[in-house]
Amino acid sequence: MKGRPVLGIISGVLFGVFVALLLQQLGVYPLTTASVIGLPVAGLVLGLILAAWAPLGKKS
């Protein structure tokens, strides 16, 4: 696997947590168990996919 999967996982989880809190603070979506668990997990998966797909480094 190319890229940085650990960095993608950490970034994705933090992104999901902050999106859940932002949606709750703006009144778009209530802060429920589904949003607190679901959005960070979705961010984790998205971060892992982007980290694996991203063209980092030099191409040899």
Protein backbone atom coordinates (compact mmCIF):
# COMPACT_ATOMS: atom_id res chain seq x y z
CA MET A 1 0.00 0.00 0.00
CA LYS A 2 1.38 3.36 -1.00
CA GLY A 3 0.63 6.56 0.81
CA ARG A 4 0.27 7.06 4.54
CA PRO A 5 -2.60 4.94 5.85
CA VAL A 6 -2.09 5.77 9.54
CA LEU A 7 -2.18 9.49 8.84
CA GLY A 8 -5.29 8.97 6.70
CA ILE A 9 -7.03 7.04 9.48
CA ILE A 10 -6.24 9.63 12.15
CA SER A 11 -7.25 12.53 9.89
CA GLY A 12 -10.44 10.80 8.84
CA VAL A 13 -11.55 10.12 12.41
CA LEU A 14 -10.85 13.70 13.46
CA PHE A 15 -12.66 14.99 10.38
CA GLY A 16 -15.69 12.83 11.19
CA VAL A 17 -15.80 14.00 14.81
CA PHE A 18 -15.56 17.65 13.81
CA VAL A 19 -18.23 17.27 11.12
CA ALA A 20 -20.57 15.64 13.66
CA LEU A 21 -20.00 18.46 16.14
CA LEU A 22 -20.37 21.12 13.46
CA LEU A 23 -23.67 19.69 12.22
CA GLN A 24 -24.94 19.58 15.81
CA GLN A 25 -23.85 23.17 16.55
CA LEU A 26 -25.46 24.52 13.38
CA GLY A 27 -28.69 22.66 14.12
CA VAL A 28 -28.57 20.64 10.91
CA TYR A 29 -28.51 17.21 12.54
CA PRO A 30 -28.98 16.31 16.22
CA LEU A 31 -26.08 14.80 18.14
CA THR A 32 -27.16 11.18 18.43
CA THR A 33 -25.29 7.94 18.86
CA ALA A 34 -25.55 7.28 15.13
CA SER A 35 -23.93 10.60 14.24
CA VAL A 36 -21.23 10.38 16.93
CA ILE A 37 -20.21 6.86 15.85
CA GLY A 38 -21.23 6.85 12.19
CA LEU A 39 -19.53 10.00 10.93
CA PRO A 40 -16.09 9.23 12.45
CA VAL A 41 -16.27 5.69 11.06
CA ALA A 42 -17.19 7.09 7.65
CA GLY A 43 -14.28 9.52 7.97
CA LEU A 44 -11.97 6.66 8.91
CA VAL A 45 -12.94 4.70 5.80
CA LEU A 46 -12.70 7.77 3.57
CA GLY A 47 -9.30 8.69 5.03
CA LEU A 48 -7.98 5.18 4.50
CA ILE A 49 -9.21 5.10 0.90
CA LEU A 50 -7.72 8.51 0.11
CA ALA A 51 -4.42 7.60 1.77
CA ALA A 52 -4.16 4.42 -0.27
CA TRP A 53 -5.14 6.16 -3.50
CA ALA A 54 -3.14 9.38 -3.15
CA PRO A 55 -0.09 9.67 -5.40
CA LEU A 56 2.52 10.58 -2.80
CA GLY A 57 6.23 10.63 -3.41
CA LYS A 58 8.20 10.35 -6.60
CA LYS A 59 7.20 8.01 -9.37
CA SER A 60 10.06 5.73 -10.35
